[in-house]
Amino acid sequence: MGYRLTKIYTRTGDDGTTGLGDGSRIAKRALRVHVIGEIDELNCALGLVLACAGAVSWVVRLEEVQRRLFDIGGELAVPGLHLIDADRVVALESWLDAINETLPPLTDFVLPGGGPAAAHCHLARAICRRSERGLWELAASEEVNLHSLTFINRLSDLLFVLARALARDNAHAEPLWHDSESWFMTP
């Protein structure tokens, strides 16, 4: 494979446009570009999870998820391209179910936290949800691969159970929400 980037800056975006993979140019303020950025931000957040997670058995799988996020970015950069299929969604669901089976049942809402890796995973989950909202907004006016929408939805669920597993695996208590007395009202 040849080099993809031989020069980092091209000056072609100095006019407020950016090039898509199909050769067309669109405004950098376009919703499609915004969603590409959200997917990229999500991928960066997963990089933080991996950097904090240590030697866990599922690192390779999360790196595979990062590759699939690149695929979704590719789909967005080349309108009409479909790289995510139902098999990718099923694989994500299977992994999610396997992790969730190892966790105790929830009796309360989980607060973000549970150690650095779990907290980064919760942040990635929130970014994933924002990315999903952006994808759905784009899908209201332009074609978006429905499998990619489902993949992003399942990914946020996966990140929730991964955060729980990371808290447990790193010997951190899972912070839980519970209806408490008005502690902030106490002098």
N, C-alpha and C. Protein backbone atom coordinates (compact mmCIF):
# COMPACT_ATOMS: atom_id res chain seq x y z
N MET A 1 0.85 -1.17 0.00
CA MET A 1 0.00 0.00 0.00
C MET A 1 0.90 1.24 0.00
N GLY A 2 0.57 2.18 -0.84
CA GLY A 2 1.33 3.41 -0.92
C GLY A 2 1.03 4.34 0.24
N TYR A 3 1.71 5.44 0.26
CA TYR A 3 1.47 6.44 1.30
C TYR A 3 0.16 7.15 1.05
N ARG A 4 -0.61 7.32 2.10
CA ARG A 4 -1.89 8.01 1.97
C ARG A 4 -1.73 9.52 2.13
N LEU A 5 -0.84 9.93 3.03
CA LEU A 5 -0.62 11.35 3.26
C LEU A 5 0.85 11.66 3.02
N THR A 6 1.12 12.38 1.96
CA THR A 6 2.50 12.76 1.71
C THR A 6 2.76 14.18 2.20
N LYS A 7 1.70 14.95 2.34
CA LYS A 7 1.80 16.31 2.83
C LYS A 7 0.61 16.54 3.76
N ILE A 8 0.87 17.05 4.96
CA ILE A 8 -0.19 17.20 5.94
C ILE A 8 -1.09 18.39 5.62
N TYR A 9 -0.52 19.49 5.22
CA TYR A 9 -1.37 20.64 4.90
C TYR A 9 -1.40 20.83 3.39
N THR A 10 -2.57 21.25 2.90
CA THR A 10 -2.73 21.45 1.46
C THR A 10 -3.18 22.86 1.12
N ARG A 11 -3.65 23.58 2.12
CA ARG A 11 -4.19 24.94 1.98
C ARG A 11 -5.53 24.97 1.24
N THR A 12 -6.02 23.82 0.81
CA THR A 12 -7.29 23.82 0.08
C THR A 12 -8.48 24.09 1.00
N GLY A 13 -8.30 23.90 2.30
CA GLY A 13 -9.39 24.16 3.23
C GLY A 13 -9.40 25.55 3.80
N ASP A 14 -8.49 26.38 3.36
CA ASP A 14 -8.41 27.74 3.88
C ASP A 14 -9.62 28.58 3.50
N ASP A 15 -10.42 28.10 2.55
CA ASP A 15 -11.63 28.84 2.15
C ASP A 15 -12.87 28.36 2.90
N GLY A 16 -12.68 27.50 3.90
CA GLY A 16 -13.82 27.03 4.69
C GLY A 16 -14.49 25.79 4.13
N THR A 17 -13.85 25.13 3.17
CA THR A 17 -14.38 23.89 2.63
C THR A 17 -13.42 22.76 2.92
N THR A 18 -13.91 21.55 2.77
CA THR A 18 -13.07 20.36 2.92
C THR A 18 -13.45 19.36 1.84
N GLY A 19 -12.50 18.52 1.49
CA GLY A 19 -12.74 17.53 0.45
C GLY A 19 -13.27 16.23 1.03
N LEU A 20 -14.23 15.66 0.35
CA LEU A 20 -14.73 14.34 0.70
C LEU A 20 -13.99 13.30 -0.13
N GLY A 21 -14.14 12.05 0.25
CA GLY A 21 -13.43 10.96 -0.42
C GLY A 21 -13.86 10.75 -1.86
N ASP A 22 -15.01 11.26 -2.23
CA ASP A 22 -15.47 11.13 -3.62
C ASP A 22 -15.00 12.29 -4.49
N GLY A 23 -14.17 13.19 -3.92
CA GLY A 23 -13.64 14.30 -4.69
C GLY A 23 -14.44 15.58 -4.58
N SER A 24 -15.64 15.50 -4.02
CA SER A 24 -16.45 16.71 -3.87
C SER A 24 -15.94 17.54 -2.69
N ARG A 25 -16.33 18.80 -2.66
CA ARG A 25 -15.96 19.69 -1.57
C ARG A 25 -17.24 20.20 -0.93
N ILE A 26 -17.21 20.27 0.40
CA ILE A 26 -18.36 20.80 1.13
C ILE A 26 -17.86 21.74 2.21
N ALA A 27 -18.76 22.54 2.73
CA ALA A 27 -18.41 23.49 3.78
C ALA A 27 -18.00 22.74 5.05
N LYS A 28 -16.99 23.24 5.71
CA LYS A 28 -16.55 22.63 6.96
C LYS A 28 -17.63 22.71 8.04
N ARG A 29 -18.57 23.63 7.87
CA ARG A 29 -19.67 23.77 8.84
C ARG A 29 -20.84 22.81 8.54
N ALA A 30 -20.73 22.02 7.48
CA ALA A 30 -21.80 21.09 7.09
C ALA A 30 -21.98 20.01 8.15
N LEU A 31 -23.21 19.58 8.31
CA LEU A 31 -23.53 18.54 9.28
C LEU A 31 -22.70 17.28 9.05
N ARG A 32 -22.50 16.89 7.82
CA ARG A 32 -21.71 15.69 7.50
C ARG A 32 -20.30 15.81 8.09
N VAL A 33 -19.68 16.96 7.96
CA VAL A 33 -18.33 17.18 8.49
C VAL A 33 -18.37 17.18 10.02
N HIS A 34 -19.40 17.76 10.57
CA HIS A 34 -19.57 17.76 12.03
C HIS A 34 -19.65 16.33 12.57
N VAL A 35 -20.42 15.48 11.90
CA VAL A 35 -20.56 14.09 12.35
C VAL A 35 -19.26 13.31 12.16
N ILE A 36 -18.55 13.57 11.08
CA ILE A 36 -17.24 12.94 10.91
C ILE A 36 -16.35 13.29 12.10
N GLY A 37 -16.39 14.55 12.52
CA GLY A 37 -15.61 14.98 13.68
C GLY A 37 -16.04 14.31 14.96
N GLU A 38 -17.34 14.09 15.14
CA GLU A 38 -17.82 13.40 16.34
C GLU A 38 -17.35 11.95 16.37
N ILE A 39 -17.37 11.29 15.24
CA ILE A 39 -16.89 9.91 15.17
C ILE A 39 -15.39 9.88 15.47
N ASP A 40 -14.66 10.85 14.96
CA ASP A 40 -13.23 10.94 15.23
C ASP A 40 -12.98 11.18 16.73
N GLU A 41 -13.77 12.07 17.33
CA GLU A 41 -13.64 12.33 18.77
C GLU A 41 -13.91 11.05 19.57
N LEU A 42 -14.91 10.30 19.17
CA LEU A 42 -15.22 9.04 19.83
C LEU A 42 -14.04 8.09 19.73
N ASN A 43 -13.44 8.00 18.56
CA ASN A 43 -12.29 7.12 18.37
C ASN A 43 -11.13 7.55 19.27
N CYS A 44 -10.92 8.85 19.40
CA CYS A 44 -9.88 9.36 20.30
C CYS A 44 -10.18 8.99 21.75
N ALA A 45 -11.45 9.08 22.13
CA ALA A 45 -11.84 8.71 23.50
C ALA A 45 -11.58 7.23 23.75
N LEU A 46 -11.79 6.38 22.74
CA LEU A 46 -11.48 4.97 22.89
C LEU A 46 -9.97 4.76 23.05
N GLY A 47 -9.19 5.60 22.39
CA GLY A 47 -7.74 5.55 22.58
C GLY A 47 -7.37 5.83 24.02
N LEU A 48 -8.06 6.76 24.67
CA LEU A 48 -7.83 7.04 26.09
C LEU A 48 -8.20 5.84 26.96
N VAL A 49 -9.31 5.20 26.63
CA VAL A 49 -9.70 4.00 27.37
C VAL A 49 -8.59 2.96 27.27
N LEU A 50 -8.11 2.74 26.06
CA LEU A 50 -7.05 1.75 25.86
C LEU A 50 -5.77 2.14 26.59
N ALA A 51 -5.44 3.42 26.62
CA ALA A 51 -4.23 3.88 27.29
C ALA A 51 -4.31 3.68 28.80
N CYS A 52 -5.52 3.71 29.35
CA CYS A 52 -5.70 3.57 30.80
C CYS A 52 -6.05 2.15 31.23
N ALA A 53 -6.47 1.32 30.30
CA ALA A 53 -7.03 0.01 30.66
C ALA A 53 -6.00 -0.98 31.15
N GLY A 54 -4.76 -0.83 30.71
CA GLY A 54 -3.76 -1.82 31.09
C GLY A 54 -3.90 -3.07 30.25
N ALA A 55 -3.40 -4.17 30.78
CA ALA A 55 -3.38 -5.43 30.04
C ALA A 55 -4.68 -6.20 30.27
N VAL A 56 -5.72 -5.80 29.59
CA VAL A 56 -7.00 -6.51 29.68
C VAL A 56 -7.16 -7.38 28.44
N SER A 57 -7.94 -8.40 28.57
CA SER A 57 -8.06 -9.38 27.49
C SER A 57 -8.75 -8.85 26.24
N TRP A 58 -9.48 -7.77 26.34
CA TRP A 58 -10.28 -7.31 25.22
C TRP A 58 -9.67 -6.14 24.46
N VAL A 59 -8.40 -5.81 24.70
CA VAL A 59 -7.76 -4.69 24.01
C VAL A 59 -7.87 -4.84 22.49
N VAL A 60 -7.59 -6.03 21.98
CA VAL A 60 -7.62 -6.25 20.53
C VAL A 60 -9.02 -6.00 19.99
N ARG A 61 -10.03 -6.39 20.74
CA ARG A 61 -11.41 -6.16 20.28
C ARG A 61 -11.75 -4.68 20.24
N LEU A 62 -11.30 -3.92 21.23
CA LEU A 62 -11.58 -2.50 21.23
C LEU A 62 -10.80 -1.80 20.10
N GLU A 63 -9.61 -2.28 19.81
CA GLU A 63 -8.89 -1.75 18.66
C GLU A 63 -9.64 -2.05 17.36
N GLU A 64 -10.29 -3.21 17.30
CA GLU A 64 -11.11 -3.55 16.14
C GLU A 64 -12.30 -2.59 16.03
N VAL A 65 -12.89 -2.22 17.17
CA VAL A 65 -13.96 -1.23 17.18
C VAL A 65 -13.45 0.09 16.61
N GLN A 66 -12.22 0.48 17.00
CA GLN A 66 -11.65 1.71 16.45
C GLN A 66 -11.55 1.63 14.92
N ARG A 67 -11.19 0.48 14.40
CA ARG A 67 -11.12 0.31 12.95
C ARG A 67 -12.51 0.46 12.31
N ARG A 68 -13.52 -0.06 12.99
CA ARG A 68 -14.88 0.07 12.46
C ARG A 68 -15.33 1.53 12.50
N LEU A 69 -14.89 2.28 13.51
CA LEU A 69 -15.21 3.71 13.53
C LEU A 69 -14.55 4.43 12.36
N PHE A 70 -13.34 4.00 11.99
CA PHE A 70 -12.72 4.55 10.79
C PHE A 70 -13.57 4.22 9.57
N ASP A 71 -14.14 3.00 9.53
CA ASP A 71 -15.02 2.63 8.43
C ASP A 71 -16.24 3.55 8.37
N ILE A 72 -16.83 3.84 9.51
CA ILE A 72 -17.99 4.74 9.54
C ILE A 72 -17.58 6.12 9.07
N GLY A 73 -16.40 6.59 9.50
CA GLY A 73 -15.90 7.86 8.99
C GLY A 73 -15.72 7.81 7.48
N GLY A 74 -15.26 6.67 6.96
CA GLY A 74 -15.13 6.50 5.52
C GLY A 74 -16.47 6.56 4.82
N GLU A 75 -17.47 5.93 5.42
CA GLU A 75 -18.82 6.00 4.85
C GLU A 75 -19.31 7.45 4.78
N LEU A 76 -19.01 8.20 5.81
CA LEU A 76 -19.44 9.60 5.84
C LEU A 76 -18.66 10.45 4.85
N ALA A 77 -17.39 10.08 4.63
CA ALA A 77 -16.55 10.84 3.70
C ALA A 77 -16.83 10.50 2.24
N VAL A 78 -17.46 9.35 2.01
CA VAL A 78 -17.83 8.94 0.65
C VAL A 78 -19.32 8.59 0.67
N PRO A 79 -20.16 9.59 0.48
CA PRO A 79 -21.61 9.34 0.54
C PRO A 79 -22.01 8.16 -0.36
N GLY A 80 -22.81 7.26 0.21
CA GLY A 80 -23.27 6.08 -0.52
C GLY A 80 -22.42 4.84 -0.27
N LEU A 81 -21.23 5.00 0.30
CA LEU A 81 -20.38 3.86 0.63
C LEU A 81 -20.91 3.17 1.87
N HIS A 82 -20.96 1.83 1.86
CA HIS A 82 -21.40 1.05 3.02
C HIS A 82 -20.32 0.04 3.38
N LEU A 83 -19.73 0.23 4.56
CA LEU A 83 -18.68 -0.67 5.03
C LEU A 83 -19.11 -1.48 6.25
N ILE A 84 -20.06 -0.98 6.99
CA ILE A 84 -20.56 -1.68 8.18
C ILE A 84 -21.78 -2.49 7.75
N ASP A 85 -21.80 -3.76 8.15
CA ASP A 85 -22.93 -4.62 7.80
C ASP A 85 -23.50 -5.25 9.07
N ALA A 86 -24.54 -6.05 8.89
CA ALA A 86 -25.22 -6.67 10.03
C ALA A 86 -24.29 -7.57 10.84
N ASP A 87 -23.33 -8.21 10.18
CA ASP A 87 -22.39 -9.09 10.90
C ASP A 87 -21.56 -8.31 11.92
N ARG A 88 -21.20 -7.07 11.60
CA ARG A 88 -20.43 -6.24 12.55
C ARG A 88 -21.28 -5.93 13.78
N VAL A 89 -22.55 -5.68 13.57
CA VAL A 89 -23.45 -5.39 14.68
C VAL A 89 -23.61 -6.63 15.56
N VAL A 90 -23.81 -7.79 14.94
CA VAL A 90 -23.98 -9.04 15.68
C VAL A 90 -22.72 -9.34 16.50
N ALA A 91 -21.55 -9.13 15.92
CA ALA A 91 -20.30 -9.37 16.65
C ALA A 91 -20.20 -8.47 17.87
N LEU A 92 -20.60 -7.21 17.72
CA LEU A 92 -20.57 -6.27 18.84
C LEU A 92 -21.57 -6.71 19.92
N GLU A 93 -22.75 -7.13 19.50
CA GLU A 93 -23.76 -7.60 20.46
C GLU A 93 -23.28 -8.84 21.22
N SER A 94 -22.62 -9.74 20.54
CA SER A 94 -22.12 -10.96 21.18
C SER A 94 -21.08 -10.62 22.24
N TRP A 95 -20.18 -9.72 21.92
CA TRP A 95 -19.16 -9.30 22.88
C TRP A 95 -19.81 -8.61 24.07
N LEU A 96 -20.77 -7.72 23.79
CA LEU A 96 -21.49 -7.03 24.85
C LEU A 96 -22.18 -8.03 25.78
N ASP A 97 -22.88 -8.99 25.22
CA ASP A 97 -23.58 -9.99 26.04
C ASP A 97 -22.61 -10.80 26.89
N ALA A 98 -21.46 -11.16 26.32
CA ALA A 98 -20.48 -11.95 27.06
C ALA A 98 -19.94 -11.18 28.26
N ILE A 99 -19.65 -9.92 28.09
CA ILE A 99 -19.16 -9.11 29.21
C ILE A 99 -20.25 -8.89 30.24
N ASN A 100 -21.44 -8.58 29.77
CA ASN A 100 -22.55 -8.28 30.68
C ASN A 100 -22.89 -9.48 31.56
N GLU A 101 -22.73 -10.70 31.04
CA GLU A 101 -23.01 -11.91 31.83
C GLU A 101 -22.10 -12.04 33.04
N THR A 102 -20.93 -11.41 32.99
CA THR A 102 -19.97 -11.52 34.10
C THR A 102 -20.21 -10.47 35.18
N LEU A 103 -21.14 -9.54 34.93
CA LEU A 103 -21.36 -8.44 35.86
C LEU A 103 -22.56 -8.70 36.76
N PRO A 104 -22.52 -8.18 37.98
CA PRO A 104 -23.69 -8.33 38.85
C PRO A 104 -24.86 -7.50 38.30
N PRO A 105 -26.08 -7.93 38.60
CA PRO A 105 -27.24 -7.16 38.12
C PRO A 105 -27.24 -5.76 38.74
N LEU A 106 -27.78 -4.83 37.99
CA LEU A 106 -27.85 -3.45 38.48
C LEU A 106 -29.11 -3.25 39.32
N THR A 107 -28.93 -2.59 40.44
CA THR A 107 -30.08 -2.22 41.27
C THR A 107 -30.23 -0.71 41.36
N ASP A 108 -29.21 0.02 40.94
CA ASP A 108 -29.21 1.48 40.93
C ASP A 108 -28.56 1.96 39.63
N PHE A 109 -28.72 3.24 39.35
CA PHE A 109 -28.01 3.84 38.23
C PHE A 109 -26.54 3.94 38.59
N VAL A 110 -25.70 3.81 37.57
CA VAL A 110 -24.26 3.91 37.76
C VAL A 110 -23.83 5.33 37.44
N LEU A 111 -23.06 5.91 38.35
CA LEU A 111 -22.48 7.23 38.09
C LEU A 111 -21.15 7.05 37.37
N PRO A 112 -20.80 7.95 36.47
CA PRO A 112 -19.49 7.85 35.82
C PRO A 112 -18.37 7.91 36.86
N GLY A 113 -17.42 7.06 36.73
CA GLY A 113 -16.31 6.98 37.67
C GLY A 113 -15.82 5.55 37.72
N GLY A 114 -15.36 5.12 38.88
CA GLY A 114 -14.89 3.75 39.04
C GLY A 114 -13.45 3.57 38.64
N GLY A 115 -12.65 4.62 38.74
CA GLY A 115 -11.24 4.55 38.37
C GLY A 115 -11.01 5.21 37.02
N PRO A 116 -9.75 5.53 36.70
CA PRO A 116 -9.45 6.25 35.45
C PRO A 116 -9.95 5.56 34.18
N ALA A 117 -9.70 4.27 34.03
CA ALA A 117 -10.10 3.58 32.80
C ALA A 117 -11.62 3.56 32.67
N ALA A 118 -12.31 3.24 33.75
CA ALA A 118 -13.78 3.21 33.72
C ALA A 118 -14.36 4.59 33.45
N ALA A 119 -13.77 5.62 34.07
CA ALA A 119 -14.26 6.98 33.85
C ALA A 119 -14.08 7.40 32.39
N HIS A 120 -12.93 7.06 31.79
CA HIS A 120 -12.73 7.35 30.37
C HIS A 120 -13.73 6.58 29.51
N CYS A 121 -14.06 5.38 29.92
CA CYS A 121 -15.03 4.58 29.17
C CYS A 121 -16.42 5.22 29.24
N HIS A 122 -16.78 5.74 30.42
CA HIS A 122 -18.06 6.45 30.54
C HIS A 122 -18.07 7.70 29.65
N LEU A 123 -16.94 8.42 29.61
CA LEU A 123 -16.86 9.60 28.74
C LEU A 123 -17.01 9.18 27.28
N ALA A 124 -16.35 8.11 26.89
CA ALA A 124 -16.48 7.60 25.52
C ALA A 124 -17.93 7.23 25.22
N ARG A 125 -18.63 6.66 26.21
CA ARG A 125 -20.05 6.32 26.03
C ARG A 125 -20.87 7.57 25.75
N ALA A 126 -20.62 8.64 26.51
CA ALA A 126 -21.37 9.88 26.30
C ALA A 126 -21.07 10.48 24.92
N ILE A 127 -19.81 10.43 24.51
CA ILE A 127 -19.44 10.92 23.17
C ILE A 127 -20.10 10.05 22.10
N CYS A 128 -20.18 8.76 22.36
CA CYS A 128 -20.83 7.84 21.43
C CYS A 128 -22.30 8.21 21.26
N ARG A 129 -22.97 8.51 22.35
CA ARG A 129 -24.39 8.91 22.28
C ARG A 129 -24.55 10.20 21.47
N ARG A 130 -23.64 11.15 21.68
CA ARG A 130 -23.70 12.40 20.90
C ARG A 130 -23.47 12.10 19.43
N SER A 131 -22.52 11.23 19.13
CA SER A 131 -22.25 10.84 17.75
C SER A 131 -23.48 10.21 17.11
N GLU A 132 -24.15 9.38 17.89
CA GLU A 132 -25.36 8.73 17.38
C GLU A 132 -26.44 9.77 17.07
N ARG A 133 -26.61 10.75 17.96
CA ARG A 133 -27.60 11.80 17.68
C ARG A 133 -27.26 12.54 16.40
N GLY A 134 -25.96 12.82 16.19
CA GLY A 134 -25.54 13.49 14.97
C GLY A 134 -25.80 12.66 13.73
N LEU A 135 -25.52 11.35 13.83
CA LEU A 135 -25.79 10.46 12.70
C LEU A 135 -27.27 10.44 12.35
N TRP A 136 -28.11 10.38 13.38
CA TRP A 136 -29.55 10.37 13.12
C TRP A 136 -30.02 11.70 12.52
N GLU A 137 -29.42 12.79 12.98
CA GLU A 137 -29.77 14.09 12.39
C GLU A 137 -29.39 14.11 10.91
N LEU A 138 -28.20 13.60 10.60
CA LEU A 138 -27.78 13.53 9.20
C LEU A 138 -28.70 12.61 8.40
N ALA A 139 -29.10 11.49 9.01
CA ALA A 139 -29.96 10.52 8.32
C ALA A 139 -31.34 11.11 8.00
N ALA A 140 -31.72 12.17 8.70
CA ALA A 140 -33.02 12.80 8.41
C ALA A 140 -33.02 13.52 7.07
N SER A 141 -31.83 13.86 6.56
CA SER A 141 -31.78 14.60 5.30
C SER A 141 -30.91 13.95 4.22
N GLU A 142 -30.06 13.00 4.62
CA GLU A 142 -29.15 12.35 3.67
C GLU A 142 -29.08 10.86 3.98
N GLU A 143 -28.61 10.09 2.99
CA GLU A 143 -28.48 8.65 3.20
C GLU A 143 -27.37 8.36 4.21
N VAL A 144 -27.68 7.54 5.20
CA VAL A 144 -26.71 7.04 6.18
C VAL A 144 -26.95 5.54 6.29
N ASN A 145 -25.89 4.77 6.32
CA ASN A 145 -25.98 3.32 6.46
C ASN A 145 -26.69 2.97 7.78
N LEU A 146 -27.82 2.30 7.70
CA LEU A 146 -28.58 1.95 8.90
C LEU A 146 -27.81 1.00 9.81
N HIS A 147 -26.95 0.16 9.23
CA HIS A 147 -26.13 -0.72 10.07
C HIS A 147 -25.13 0.09 10.90
N SER A 148 -24.65 1.19 10.34
CA SER A 148 -23.75 2.05 11.10
C SER A 148 -24.47 2.71 12.26
N LEU A 149 -25.70 3.12 12.03
CA LEU A 149 -26.51 3.70 13.12
C LEU A 149 -26.72 2.68 14.24
N THR A 150 -27.03 1.45 13.87
CA THR A 150 -27.23 0.40 14.86
C THR A 150 -25.92 0.08 15.57
N PHE A 151 -24.82 0.04 14.83
CA PHE A 151 -23.50 -0.23 15.41
C PHE A 151 -23.18 0.80 16.48
N ILE A 152 -23.39 2.07 16.19
CA ILE A 152 -23.08 3.14 17.15
C ILE A 152 -23.99 3.02 18.37
N ASN A 153 -25.24 2.66 18.16
CA ASN A 153 -26.16 2.48 19.30
C ASN A 153 -25.67 1.34 20.20
N ARG A 154 -25.30 0.21 19.61
CA ARG A 154 -24.80 -0.91 20.41
C ARG A 154 -23.46 -0.59 21.07
N LEU A 155 -22.66 0.21 20.37
CA LEU A 155 -21.36 0.57 20.93
C LEU A 155 -21.52 1.35 22.24
N SER A 156 -22.50 2.23 22.32
CA SER A 156 -22.70 2.95 23.57
C SER A 156 -23.09 1.99 24.69
N ASP A 157 -23.89 0.98 24.37
CA ASP A 157 -24.23 -0.04 25.37
C ASP A 157 -22.99 -0.84 25.78
N LEU A 158 -22.17 -1.20 24.79
CA LEU A 158 -20.94 -1.92 25.08
C LEU A 158 -20.03 -1.10 25.99
N LEU A 159 -19.90 0.18 25.71
CA LEU A 159 -19.03 1.03 26.53
C LEU A 159 -19.54 1.13 27.96
N PHE A 160 -20.84 1.08 28.15
CA PHE A 160 -21.39 1.09 29.50
C PHE A 160 -20.98 -0.17 30.26
N VAL A 161 -21.14 -1.35 29.64
CA VAL A 161 -20.76 -2.58 30.34
C VAL A 161 -19.24 -2.69 30.47
N LEU A 162 -18.49 -2.18 29.50
CA LEU A 162 -17.03 -2.18 29.64
C LEU A 162 -16.60 -1.29 30.81
N ALA A 163 -17.25 -0.16 30.98
CA ALA A 163 -16.92 0.72 32.11
C ALA A 163 -17.17 -0.01 33.43
N ARG A 164 -18.27 -0.72 33.51
CA ARG A 164 -18.56 -1.50 34.72
C ARG A 164 -17.50 -2.57 34.94
N ALA A 165 -17.13 -3.26 33.88
CA ALA A 165 -16.12 -4.32 33.98
C ALA A 165 -14.76 -3.74 34.36
N LEU A 166 -14.41 -2.59 33.80
CA LEU A 166 -13.14 -1.95 34.13
C LEU A 166 -13.10 -1.54 35.59
N ALA A 167 -14.19 -1.02 36.11
CA ALA A 167 -14.22 -0.65 37.53
C ALA A 167 -13.99 -1.89 38.38
N ARG A 168 -14.66 -2.96 38.03
CA ARG A 168 -14.50 -4.21 38.78
C ARG A 168 -13.08 -4.77 38.64
N ASP A 169 -12.58 -4.85 37.42
CA ASP A 169 -11.28 -5.45 37.16
C ASP A 169 -10.13 -4.67 37.78
N ASN A 170 -10.32 -3.36 37.96
CA ASN A 170 -9.28 -2.53 38.56
C ASN A 170 -9.54 -2.27 40.04
N ALA A 171 -10.39 -3.10 40.64
CA ALA A 171 -10.68 -3.07 42.07
C ALA A 171 -11.18 -1.71 42.55
N HIS A 172 -12.01 -1.08 41.72
CA HIS A 172 -12.65 0.17 42.12
C HIS A 172 -14.13 -0.12 42.34
N ALA A 173 -14.69 0.53 43.33
CA ALA A 173 -16.12 0.40 43.54
C ALA A 173 -16.85 1.16 42.43
N GLU A 174 -17.96 0.60 42.01
CA GLU A 174 -18.80 1.28 41.03
C GLU A 174 -19.60 2.35 41.76
N PRO A 175 -19.41 3.62 41.42
CA PRO A 175 -20.22 4.64 42.09
C PRO A 175 -21.67 4.53 41.63
N LEU A 176 -22.56 4.42 42.57
CA LEU A 176 -23.98 4.26 42.25
C LEU A 176 -24.78 5.48 42.70
N TRP A 177 -25.78 5.81 41.90
CA TRP A 177 -26.71 6.86 42.28
C TRP A 177 -27.72 6.26 43.24
N HIS A 178 -28.05 6.99 44.23
CA HIS A 178 -29.16 6.62 45.09
C HIS A 178 -29.77 7.91 45.61
N ASP A 179 -31.04 7.86 45.89
CA ASP A 179 -31.73 9.04 46.38
C ASP A 179 -31.24 9.33 47.78
N SER A 180 -30.45 10.37 47.92
CA SER A 180 -29.90 10.69 49.23
C SER A 180 -30.55 11.94 49.79
N GLU A 181 -30.32 12.13 51.03
CA GLU A 181 -30.83 13.34 51.65
C GLU A 181 -30.12 14.54 51.04
N SER A 182 -30.66 15.67 51.26
CA SER A 182 -30.11 16.89 50.67
C SER A 182 -28.82 17.28 51.38
N TRP A 183 -27.74 16.57 51.07
CA TRP A 183 -26.45 16.82 51.72
C TRP A 183 -25.92 18.23 51.42
N PHE A 184 -26.26 18.75 50.26
CA PHE A 184 -25.75 20.06 49.91
C PHE A 184 -26.47 21.17 50.66
N MET A 185 -27.58 20.84 51.30
CA MET A 185 -28.32 21.84 52.08
C MET A 185 -27.82 21.91 53.51
N THR A 186 -27.01 20.94 53.90
CA THR A 186 -26.51 20.90 55.27
C THR A 186 -25.38 21.91 55.41
N PRO A 187 -25.44 22.74 56.49
CA PRO A 187 -24.39 23.75 56.65
C PRO A 187 -23.05 23.12 57.00
